[in-house]
N, C-alpha and C. Protein backbone atom coordinates (compact mmCIF):
# COMPACT_ATOMS: atom_id res chain seq x y z
N ASP A 1 21.67 -13.11 -5.87
CA ASP A 1 20.46 -13.20 -4.88
C ASP A 1 20.91 -12.87 -3.35
N ARG A 2 20.19 -12.96 -2.70
CA ARG A 2 20.31 -12.46 -1.14
C ARG A 2 21.32 -13.61 -0.30
N GLN A 3 21.34 -14.67 -0.63
CA GLN A 3 22.23 -15.67 -0.10
C GLN A 3 23.87 -15.26 -0.43
N TYR A 4 23.99 -14.89 -1.93
CA TYR A 4 25.14 -14.59 -2.50
C TYR A 4 25.65 -13.54 -1.92
N GLN A 5 24.73 -12.47 -1.51
CA GLN A 5 25.27 -11.10 -1.24
C GLN A 5 25.77 -11.38 0.47
N ALA A 6 24.60 -11.64 1.17
CA ALA A 6 25.45 -12.16 2.51
C ALA A 6 26.39 -12.82 2.77
N TYR A 7 26.94 -13.76 1.88
CA TYR A 7 27.79 -14.53 2.02
C TYR A 7 29.26 -13.76 1.52
N ASN A 8 28.95 -12.83 0.89
CA ASN A 8 29.90 -11.97 0.18
C ASN A 8 30.00 -10.67 0.67
N GLY A 9 29.08 -10.22 1.77
CA GLY A 9 29.28 -9.08 2.69
C GLY A 9 28.82 -7.63 1.35
N LEU A 10 28.04 -8.14 0.50
CA LEU A 10 27.63 -6.86 -0.33
C LEU A 10 25.84 -6.57 0.05
N ALA A 11 25.63 -5.46 -0.38
CA ALA A 11 24.42 -4.74 -0.69
C ALA A 11 24.01 -4.50 1.15
N GLU A 12 23.15 -4.92 1.63
CA GLU A 12 22.28 -4.80 3.00
C GLU A 12 23.42 -5.50 3.97
N TRP A 13 24.08 -6.20 3.80
CA TRP A 13 25.21 -6.75 4.22
C TRP A 13 26.34 -6.13 4.60
N LYS A 14 26.99 -5.15 3.98
CA LYS A 14 27.82 -4.40 3.81
C LYS A 14 28.48 -4.31 5.56
N GLU A 15 27.41 -3.37 5.92
CA GLU A 15 27.84 -2.76 7.46
C GLU A 15 27.95 -4.00 8.49
N TYR A 16 27.62 -5.21 7.84
CA TYR A 16 28.07 -6.71 8.90
C TYR A 16 28.89 -7.34 8.66
N GLY A 17 29.38 -7.07 7.30
CA GLY A 17 30.45 -8.20 6.53
C GLY A 17 30.05 -8.81 6.27
N LYS A 18 30.84 -10.05 5.78
CA LYS A 18 30.90 -11.12 5.19
C LYS A 18 29.97 -12.42 6.03
N GLN A 19 29.28 -13.02 5.53
CA GLN A 19 28.53 -14.05 6.49
C GLN A 19 29.21 -15.32 5.86
N THR A 20 30.12 -15.94 6.38
CA THR A 20 31.04 -16.79 5.61
C THR A 20 30.33 -18.16 6.40
N ASP A 21 29.86 -18.09 7.26
CA ASP A 21 29.18 -19.17 8.15
C ASP A 21 27.69 -19.78 7.42
N LEU A 22 27.66 -18.54 6.75
CA LEU A 22 26.29 -19.39 6.07
C LEU A 22 26.16 -20.40 5.08
N ARG A 23 25.35 -21.29 5.22
CA ARG A 23 25.05 -22.49 4.35
C ARG A 23 23.70 -22.53 3.66
N SER A 24 23.85 -23.18 2.41
CA SER A 24 22.75 -23.30 1.80
C SER A 24 22.80 -24.98 1.16
N LEU A 25 21.58 -25.79 1.22
CA LEU A 25 21.76 -27.04 0.60
C LEU A 25 21.05 -27.08 -0.63
N PHE A 26 19.78 -26.12 -1.01
CA PHE A 26 18.94 -25.90 -2.11
C PHE A 26 18.10 -25.13 -2.15
N SER A 27 17.50 -24.50 -3.14
CA SER A 27 16.46 -23.42 -3.66
C SER A 27 15.30 -24.46 -3.45
N ILE A 28 14.33 -24.29 -3.22
CA ILE A 28 13.07 -25.15 -3.09
C ILE A 28 12.37 -25.03 -4.52
N HIS A 29 12.31 -23.58 -4.87
CA HIS A 29 11.94 -23.27 -6.01
C HIS A 29 12.47 -21.97 -6.30
N PRO A 30 12.14 -21.78 -8.25
CA PRO A 30 12.79 -20.75 -8.57
C PRO A 30 11.51 -19.53 -8.32
N GLU A 31 12.47 -18.30 -8.43
CA GLU A 31 11.55 -16.86 -8.01
C GLU A 31 12.30 -15.86 -9.26
N SER A 32 10.87 -15.74 -10.00
CA SER A 32 11.49 -14.22 -10.84
C SER A 32 11.17 -12.73 -10.23
N ILE A 33 11.77 -12.13 -10.39
CA ILE A 33 11.58 -10.86 -10.01
C ILE A 33 10.58 -10.08 -11.09
N THR A 34 9.21 -9.91 -10.57
CA THR A 34 8.03 -9.72 -11.65
C THR A 34 7.92 -8.05 -11.35
N LEU A 35 7.45 -7.08 -12.38
CA LEU A 35 6.94 -5.85 -12.22
C LEU A 35 5.29 -5.81 -13.09
N ILE A 36 4.36 -5.62 -12.03
CA ILE A 36 3.42 -5.50 -12.56
C ILE A 36 2.66 -4.19 -12.83
N ALA A 37 2.43 -3.68 -13.62
CA ALA A 37 2.03 -2.29 -13.96
C ALA A 37 0.65 -2.17 -14.67
N SER A 38 -0.02 -1.14 -14.09
CA SER A 38 -1.31 -1.22 -14.69
C SER A 38 -1.30 -0.69 -16.41
N GLU A 39 -2.65 -0.80 -16.83
CA GLU A 39 -2.07 -0.34 -18.14
C GLU A 39 -2.62 0.94 -18.63
N LYS A 40 -3.25 1.96 -17.64
CA LYS A 40 -3.23 2.86 -17.81
C LYS A 40 -2.05 3.65 -17.24
N SER A 41 -1.18 3.39 -16.75
CA SER A 41 0.32 3.55 -16.28
C SER A 41 1.22 4.23 -17.47
N ASP A 42 0.88 3.68 -18.50
CA ASP A 42 1.98 3.45 -19.76
C ASP A 42 3.49 3.16 -19.26
N ILE A 43 3.69 2.03 -18.50
CA ILE A 43 4.73 1.79 -18.39
C ILE A 43 5.19 0.47 -18.80
N ARG A 44 6.02 0.53 -19.81
CA ARG A 44 6.70 -0.67 -20.62
C ARG A 44 7.79 -1.34 -20.52
N GLU A 45 8.58 -0.16 -19.61
CA GLU A 45 10.09 -0.64 -19.32
C GLU A 45 10.38 -0.28 -18.17
N ILE A 46 11.74 -0.49 -17.53
CA ILE A 46 11.56 -0.26 -15.77
C ILE A 46 11.90 1.46 -15.84
N LYS A 47 12.69 1.79 -17.06
CA LYS A 47 12.94 3.53 -16.56
C LYS A 47 11.32 4.16 -16.90
N ASP A 48 10.30 3.27 -17.39
CA ASP A 48 9.11 4.14 -17.49
C ASP A 48 8.59 4.34 -15.79
N LEU A 49 8.85 3.76 -14.94
CA LEU A 49 8.86 3.94 -13.31
C LEU A 49 9.23 5.47 -12.92
N LYS A 50 9.88 6.08 -13.57
CA LYS A 50 10.33 7.36 -12.92
C LYS A 50 8.97 8.31 -12.90
N GLY A 51 8.87 8.93 -11.87
CA GLY A 51 7.72 9.60 -11.44
C GLY A 51 6.31 8.75 -11.24
N LYS A 52 6.03 7.63 -11.34
CA LYS A 52 5.00 6.83 -10.87
C LYS A 52 5.17 6.15 -9.24
N ARG A 53 4.28 6.03 -8.85
CA ARG A 53 3.71 5.50 -7.55
C ARG A 53 4.18 3.71 -7.75
N VAL A 54 5.27 3.35 -7.06
CA VAL A 54 5.43 2.03 -6.88
C VAL A 54 5.59 1.44 -5.67
N ASN A 55 4.99 0.21 -5.64
CA ASN A 55 5.04 -0.46 -4.48
C ASN A 55 6.43 -1.59 -4.82
N LEU A 56 7.66 -1.27 -3.46
CA LEU A 56 8.71 -2.03 -3.57
C LEU A 56 8.98 -3.46 -3.04
N GLY A 57 7.94 -3.50 -1.90
CA GLY A 57 7.73 -4.25 -1.07
C GLY A 57 8.30 -3.76 0.32
N ASN A 58 7.76 -4.66 1.11
CA ASN A 58 7.66 -4.64 2.72
C ASN A 58 8.98 -4.42 3.39
N PRO A 59 9.24 -3.62 4.14
CA PRO A 59 10.34 -3.43 4.90
C PRO A 59 11.06 -4.82 5.40
N GLY A 60 12.44 -5.40 5.18
CA GLY A 60 12.88 -6.63 6.07
C GLY A 60 12.65 -7.62 4.88
N SER A 61 11.77 -7.60 3.54
CA SER A 61 11.71 -8.51 2.74
C SER A 61 12.71 -8.83 1.53
N GLY A 62 13.15 -9.77 1.44
CA GLY A 62 14.09 -10.14 0.14
C GLY A 62 13.71 -9.22 -1.04
N TYR A 63 12.50 -9.29 -1.68
CA TYR A 63 11.83 -8.88 -2.43
C TYR A 63 11.74 -7.02 -2.67
N LEU A 64 11.51 -6.46 -1.39
CA LEU A 64 12.30 -5.21 -1.77
C LEU A 64 13.65 -4.76 -1.89
N GLN A 65 14.74 -5.40 -1.33
CA GLN A 65 15.97 -5.39 -2.02
C GLN A 65 16.14 -5.67 -3.13
N ASN A 66 15.47 -6.62 -3.91
CA ASN A 66 15.62 -7.03 -5.01
C ASN A 66 15.13 -6.08 -5.77
N SER A 67 13.80 -5.38 -5.53
CA SER A 67 13.57 -4.22 -6.22
C SER A 67 14.12 -3.03 -6.32
N LYS A 68 15.12 -2.92 -5.15
CA LYS A 68 16.10 -1.31 -4.91
C LYS A 68 17.24 -1.93 -6.19
N ASP A 69 17.50 -3.38 -6.55
CA ASP A 69 18.56 -3.84 -6.86
C ASP A 69 18.22 -3.37 -8.44
N VAL A 70 16.76 -3.50 -8.79
CA VAL A 70 16.36 -3.46 -10.29
C VAL A 70 16.61 -2.03 -10.64
N LEU A 71 16.15 -1.36 -9.82
CA LEU A 71 15.97 0.38 -9.59
C LEU A 71 17.47 0.62 -10.03
N LYS A 72 18.38 0.28 -9.10
CA LYS A 72 19.76 0.69 -9.29
C LYS A 72 20.64 0.36 -10.33
N ALA A 73 20.33 -0.80 -11.24
CA ALA A 73 20.66 -1.47 -12.44
C ALA A 73 20.02 -0.44 -13.59
N VAL A 74 19.00 0.37 -13.74
CA VAL A 74 18.66 1.13 -14.72
C VAL A 74 18.98 2.69 -14.20
N GLY A 75 19.46 3.08 -13.09
CA GLY A 75 19.65 4.21 -12.50
C GLY A 75 18.79 5.24 -11.98
N LEU A 76 18.02 4.33 -11.72
CA LEU A 76 16.45 5.18 -11.05
C LEU A 76 17.10 4.76 -9.49
N ALA A 77 16.55 5.76 -8.46
CA ALA A 77 16.55 6.07 -7.06
C ALA A 77 15.60 6.12 -6.38
N GLU A 78 14.96 5.24 -5.56
CA GLU A 78 13.73 5.12 -4.65
C GLU A 78 12.91 6.41 -4.03
N ASP A 79 14.26 7.05 -3.43
CA ASP A 79 13.88 8.39 -2.88
C ASP A 79 13.62 9.30 -3.88
N ARG A 80 14.64 9.38 -5.08
CA ARG A 80 14.13 10.71 -5.87
C ARG A 80 13.61 10.79 -7.16
N ASP A 81 13.42 9.58 -7.70
CA ASP A 81 12.85 9.21 -8.91
C ASP A 81 11.29 8.80 -8.80
N LEU A 82 10.84 7.92 -7.91
CA LEU A 82 9.59 7.52 -7.66
C LEU A 82 8.86 7.93 -6.50
N SER A 83 7.85 7.43 -6.48
CA SER A 83 6.68 7.57 -5.08
C SER A 83 6.85 6.18 -4.82
N ALA A 84 7.67 5.98 -3.72
CA ALA A 84 7.85 4.43 -3.70
C ALA A 84 6.93 4.22 -2.37
N GLU A 85 5.99 2.76 -2.49
CA GLU A 85 5.43 2.36 -1.34
C GLU A 85 6.04 0.92 -0.67
N TYR A 86 5.70 0.93 0.18
CA TYR A 86 6.11 -0.36 1.18
C TYR A 86 5.30 -1.09 2.00
N VAL A 87 4.37 -1.67 0.89
CA VAL A 87 3.51 -2.49 1.56
C VAL A 87 3.65 -4.10 1.24
N LYS A 88 2.99 -4.88 1.71
CA LYS A 88 3.14 -6.42 1.59
C LYS A 88 2.70 -6.97 0.44
N ALA A 89 3.05 -8.01 -0.17
CA ALA A 89 2.59 -8.31 -1.78
C ALA A 89 1.16 -8.80 -1.63
N VAL A 90 0.57 -8.96 -0.84
CA VAL A 90 -0.63 -9.48 -0.92
C VAL A 90 -1.83 -8.43 -0.64
N GLU A 91 -1.02 -7.08 -0.42
CA GLU A 91 -1.81 -5.72 -0.23
C GLU A 91 -1.59 -4.85 -1.76
N ALA A 92 -0.53 -5.18 -2.61
CA ALA A 92 -0.56 -4.78 -3.55
C ALA A 92 -1.35 -4.59 -4.60
N PRO A 93 -2.13 -5.79 -5.08
CA PRO A 93 -2.93 -5.94 -6.08
C PRO A 93 -4.53 -4.83 -6.10
N GLY A 94 -4.66 -5.22 -4.79
CA GLY A 94 -5.95 -4.16 -4.75
C GLY A 94 -5.43 -2.60 -4.51
N LEU A 95 -4.16 -2.10 -4.07
CA LEU A 95 -4.05 -0.85 -4.59
C LEU A 95 -3.60 -0.77 -5.90
N LEU A 96 -3.47 -1.49 -6.67
CA LEU A 96 -3.01 -1.32 -8.33
C LEU A 96 -4.40 -1.07 -9.05
N GLN A 97 -5.69 -2.24 -8.32
CA GLN A 97 -7.06 -2.18 -8.92
C GLN A 97 -7.64 -0.91 -8.49
N ASP A 98 -7.35 -0.59 -7.08
CA ASP A 98 -7.92 1.31 -6.82
C ASP A 98 -7.03 2.24 -7.60
N GLU A 99 -6.03 2.06 -8.06
CA GLU A 99 -5.23 2.95 -8.68
C GLU A 99 -4.64 4.15 -7.60
N ARG A 100 -3.98 3.36 -6.94
CA ARG A 100 -3.52 4.04 -5.43
C ARG A 100 -2.08 3.68 -5.91
N ILE A 101 -1.78 3.00 -6.86
CA ILE A 101 -0.31 2.62 -6.89
C ILE A 101 -0.40 2.53 -8.61
N ASP A 102 0.60 2.56 -9.08
CA ASP A 102 0.80 2.34 -11.08
C ASP A 102 1.46 1.19 -10.95
N ALA A 103 2.47 0.64 -10.20
CA ALA A 103 2.76 -0.84 -10.61
C ALA A 103 3.46 -1.23 -8.96
N PHE A 104 3.85 -2.47 -9.30
CA PHE A 104 4.52 -3.02 -8.00
C PHE A 104 5.46 -4.14 -8.41
N PHE A 105 6.53 -4.24 -7.75
CA PHE A 105 7.22 -5.29 -7.75
C PHE A 105 6.90 -6.61 -7.20
N TYR A 106 7.30 -7.62 -7.45
CA TYR A 106 7.15 -9.10 -6.62
C TYR A 106 8.17 -9.88 -6.76
N THR A 107 8.89 -10.53 -5.57
CA THR A 107 9.65 -11.68 -6.37
C THR A 107 8.77 -12.87 -5.99
N VAL A 108 8.51 -13.76 -6.77
CA VAL A 108 7.89 -14.92 -6.58
C VAL A 108 7.67 -16.10 -7.72
N GLY A 109 7.70 -17.36 -7.19
CA GLY A 109 7.17 -18.13 -8.40
C GLY A 109 5.76 -18.11 -8.94
N HIS A 110 5.89 -18.65 -10.13
CA HIS A 110 4.63 -18.54 -11.18
C HIS A 110 3.94 -19.76 -11.18
N PRO A 111 3.06 -20.33 -11.21
CA PRO A 111 1.78 -19.00 -11.32
C PRO A 111 1.78 -18.75 -9.63
N ASN A 112 1.23 -17.78 -9.60
CA ASN A 112 0.75 -16.73 -8.19
C ASN A 112 -0.70 -16.21 -8.17
N SER A 113 -1.17 -16.26 -6.86
CA SER A 113 -2.40 -15.85 -6.74
C SER A 113 -2.44 -14.33 -7.11
N ASN A 114 -1.73 -13.84 -6.29
CA ASN A 114 -1.34 -12.01 -6.46
C ASN A 114 -1.43 -11.64 -7.67
N ILE A 115 -0.51 -12.61 -8.38
CA ILE A 115 -0.15 -11.36 -10.03
C ILE A 115 -1.76 -11.94 -10.48
N LYS A 116 -2.35 -12.78 -10.28
CA LYS A 116 -3.77 -13.57 -11.00
C LYS A 116 -4.91 -12.25 -10.56
N GLU A 117 -4.67 -12.08 -9.36
CA GLU A 117 -5.58 -11.08 -8.99
C GLU A 117 -5.34 -9.33 -9.49
N ALA A 118 -4.23 -9.21 -9.77
CA ALA A 118 -3.88 -8.07 -10.04
C ALA A 118 -4.32 -7.66 -11.74
N THR A 119 -4.11 -8.86 -12.30
CA THR A 119 -4.53 -9.04 -13.64
C THR A 119 -6.07 -9.15 -13.72
């Protein structure tokens, strides 16, 4: 997760080095990395995102980095393999319903109103 990466100087913290002064007491609630895809998109697994329009998350958000980590884990690159969007989570359900994106990632606790709106 983001705290682990920051503490160990990984991912987006590589250039800044280990953040060993970082402390955490507890997590408030669990969050899942969720992928929501339209039925018309034929997306059944992460690799099916290739060639699709996908919202990864807004710049600076934790869920943007989570999305990048998921793509990297299956060998996909945001700049090469898909048409990436970078909008806020609250905007993504409308884009999906208007068929302007095929899918979106969202790191969130469930149940969530944005997920409900998208479905």
